[in-house]
């Protein structure tokens, strides 16, 4: 089961073993710039469930939360960098 979210492709297809569905998420983001590598994150063993739908839902919810948290950290870092750049006086000479 794949879906897209904020530029990431989420594969929440569970594994089936021992009569249970094991939830995990594989996240891939391909860079629009051919010169840059994409990103991948795999989270295994989120939990196990009796039904496939439950496992998929938990894996997708986990992935959505991970992406939101990661994006907020990246946005925060970028905001701090911009704030730092704006605090440098315009008349500062280059070295």
C-alpha atoms as a PDB file:
ATOM      1  CA  UNK A   1       0.000   0.000   0.000  1.00  0.00           C
ATOM      2  CA  UNK A   2       1.705   3.182  -1.196  1.00  0.00           C
ATOM      3  CA  UNK A   3       0.646   6.780  -0.799  1.00  0.00           C
ATOM      4  CA  UNK A   4       2.288  10.177  -1.156  1.00  0.00           C
ATOM      5  CA  UNK A   5       2.650  12.855   1.495  1.00  0.00           C
ATOM      6  CA  UNK A   6       4.615  16.135   1.367  1.00  0.00           C
ATOM      7  CA  UNK A   7       6.909  14.874  -1.378  1.00  0.00           C
ATOM      8  CA  UNK A   8       7.517  11.477   0.248  1.00  0.00           C
ATOM      9  CA  UNK A   9       6.338   8.112  -1.075  1.00  0.00           C
ATOM     10  CA  UNK A  10       5.166   5.958   1.833  1.00  0.00           C
ATOM     11  CA  UNK A  11       5.029   2.190   1.440  1.00  0.00           C
ATOM     12  CA  UNK A  12       3.083   0.833   4.403  1.00  0.00           C
ATOM     13  CA  UNK A  13       2.698  -2.717   3.090  1.00  0.00           C
ATOM     14  CA  UNK A  14       2.875  -4.960   6.153  1.00  0.00           C
ATOM     15  CA  UNK A  15       4.758  -8.240   6.410  1.00  0.00           C
ATOM     16  CA  UNK A  16       2.747 -11.318   7.280  1.00  0.00           C
ATOM     17  CA  UNK A  17       4.274 -13.912   9.562  1.00  0.00           C
ATOM     18  CA  UNK A  18       3.115 -16.244  12.308  1.00  0.00           C
ATOM     19  CA  UNK A  19      -0.505 -15.324  11.609  1.00  0.00           C
ATOM     20  CA  UNK A  20       0.049 -11.592  12.258  1.00  0.00           C
ATOM     21  CA  UNK A  21       0.549  -8.473  10.123  1.00  0.00           C
ATOM     22  CA  UNK A  22       3.702  -6.598  11.102  1.00  0.00           C
ATOM     23  CA  UNK A  23       3.441  -2.851  10.502  1.00  0.00           C
ATOM     24  CA  UNK A  24       6.399  -0.959   9.142  1.00  0.00           C
ATOM     25  CA  UNK A  25       6.935   2.038   6.878  1.00  0.00           C
ATOM     26  CA  UNK A  26       9.372   2.653   4.050  1.00  0.00           C
ATOM     27  CA  UNK A  27       9.666   6.323   3.144  1.00  0.00           C
ATOM     28  CA  UNK A  28      11.409   7.568   0.009  1.00  0.00           C
ATOM     29  CA  UNK A  29      11.818  11.112  -1.253  1.00  0.00           C
ATOM     30  CA  UNK A  30      13.368  11.609  -4.648  1.00  0.00           C
ATOM     31  CA  UNK A  31      15.176  14.874  -5.207  1.00  0.00           C
ATOM     32  CA  UNK A  32      13.861  16.978  -8.102  1.00  0.00           C
ATOM     33  CA  UNK A  33      17.504  17.838  -8.797  1.00  0.00           C
ATOM     34  CA  UNK A  34      19.133  14.960 -10.696  1.00  0.00           C
ATOM     35  CA  UNK A  35      22.512  15.806  -9.143  1.00  0.00           C
ATOM     36  CA  UNK A  36      21.299  15.220  -5.581  1.00  0.00           C
ATOM     37  CA  UNK A  37      20.618  11.881  -3.949  1.00  0.00           C
ATOM     38  CA  UNK A  38      17.160  11.118  -2.686  1.00  0.00           C
ATOM     39  CA  UNK A  39      16.374  10.219   0.901  1.00  0.00           C
ATOM     40  CA  UNK A  40      15.120   6.976   2.391  1.00  0.00           C
ATOM     41  CA  UNK A  41      13.972   6.048   5.866  1.00  0.00           C
ATOM     42  CA  UNK A  42      12.740   2.634   6.987  1.00  0.00           C
ATOM     43  CA  UNK A  43      10.999   2.048  10.282  1.00  0.00           C
ATOM     44  CA  UNK A  44      10.477  -1.590  11.170  1.00  0.00           C
ATOM     45  CA  UNK A  45       8.577  -3.400  13.880  1.00  0.00           C
ATOM     46  CA  UNK A  46       6.080  -0.674  14.701  1.00  0.00           C
ATOM     47  CA  UNK A  47       3.737  -3.331  16.036  1.00  0.00           C
ATOM     48  CA  UNK A  48       1.774  -6.394  14.920  1.00  0.00           C
ATOM     49  CA  UNK A  49      -1.929  -6.724  14.210  1.00  0.00           C
ATOM     50  CA  UNK A  50      -4.627  -9.242  13.400  1.00  0.00           C
ATOM     51  CA  UNK A  51      -5.695  -7.417  10.224  1.00  0.00           C
ATOM     52  CA  UNK A  52      -3.780  -5.932   7.329  1.00  0.00           C
ATOM     53  CA  UNK A  53      -5.851  -2.722   7.422  1.00  0.00           C
ATOM     54  CA  UNK A  54      -4.861  -2.047  11.039  1.00  0.00           C
ATOM     55  CA  UNK A  55      -1.181  -2.538  10.241  1.00  0.00           C
ATOM     56  CA  UNK A  56      -1.366  -0.215   7.235  1.00  0.00           C
ATOM     57  CA  UNK A  57      -3.207   2.492   9.197  1.00  0.00           C
ATOM     58  CA  UNK A  58      -0.658   2.459  12.030  1.00  0.00           C
ATOM     59  CA  UNK A  59       2.284   2.534   9.623  1.00  0.00           C
ATOM     60  CA  UNK A  60       0.806   5.435   7.630  1.00  0.00           C
ATOM     61  CA  UNK A  61      -0.038   7.405  10.774  1.00  0.00           C
ATOM     62  CA  UNK A  62       3.506   6.865  12.048  1.00  0.00           C
ATOM     63  CA  UNK A  63       4.942   7.974   8.689  1.00  0.00           C
ATOM     64  CA  UNK A  64       2.767  11.124   8.556  1.00  0.00           C
ATOM     65  CA  UNK A  65       3.885  12.087  12.074  1.00  0.00           C
ATOM     66  CA  UNK A  66       7.558  11.380  11.274  1.00  0.00           C
ATOM     67  CA  UNK A  67       7.413  13.521   8.123  1.00  0.00           C
ATOM     68  CA  UNK A  68       5.679  16.409   9.951  1.00  0.00           C
ATOM     69  CA  UNK A  69       8.213  16.303  12.782  1.00  0.00           C
ATOM     70  CA  UNK A  70      11.138  16.110  10.352  1.00  0.00           C
ATOM     71  CA  UNK A  71       9.756  18.988   8.259  1.00  0.00           C
ATOM     72  CA  UNK A  72       9.245  21.154  11.350  1.00  0.00           C
ATOM     73  CA  UNK A  73      12.856  20.515  12.410  1.00  0.00           C
ATOM     74  CA  UNK A  74      14.115  21.379   8.916  1.00  0.00           C
ATOM     75  CA  UNK A  75      11.906  24.498   8.779  1.00  0.00           C
ATOM     76  CA  UNK A  76      13.113  25.565  12.237  1.00  0.00           C
ATOM     77  CA  UNK A  77      16.741  25.127  11.203  1.00  0.00           C
ATOM     78  CA  UNK A  78      16.168  27.132   8.023  1.00  0.00           C
ATOM     79  CA  UNK A  79      14.407  29.901   9.974  1.00  0.00           C
ATOM     80  CA  UNK A  80      17.339  30.102  12.409  1.00  0.00           C
ATOM     81  CA  UNK A  81      19.780  30.306   9.504  1.00  0.00           C
ATOM     82  CA  UNK A  82      17.784  33.110   7.879  1.00  0.00           C
ATOM     83  CA  UNK A  83      17.531  34.966  11.190  1.00  0.00           C
ATOM     84  CA  UNK A  84      21.277  34.645  11.645  1.00  0.00           C
ATOM     85  CA  UNK A  85      21.916  35.942   8.113  1.00  0.00           C
ATOM     86  CA  UNK A  86      19.597  38.910   8.668  1.00  0.00           C
ATOM     87  CA  UNK A  87      21.386  39.810  11.899  1.00  0.00           C
ATOM     88  CA  UNK A  88      24.669  40.393  10.049  1.00  0.00           C
ATOM     89  CA  UNK A  89      25.095  44.113   9.316  1.00  0.00           C
ATOM     90  CA  UNK A  90      24.966  44.982   5.616  1.00  0.00           C
ATOM     91  CA  UNK A  91      28.219  46.956   5.843  1.00  0.00           C
ATOM     92  CA  UNK A  92      30.233  43.961   7.065  1.00  0.00           C
ATOM     93  CA  UNK A  93      33.187  43.537   4.761  1.00  0.00           C
ATOM     94  CA  UNK A  94      33.911  40.197   3.169  1.00  0.00           C
ATOM     95  CA  UNK A  95      37.149  38.478   4.055  1.00  0.00           C
END
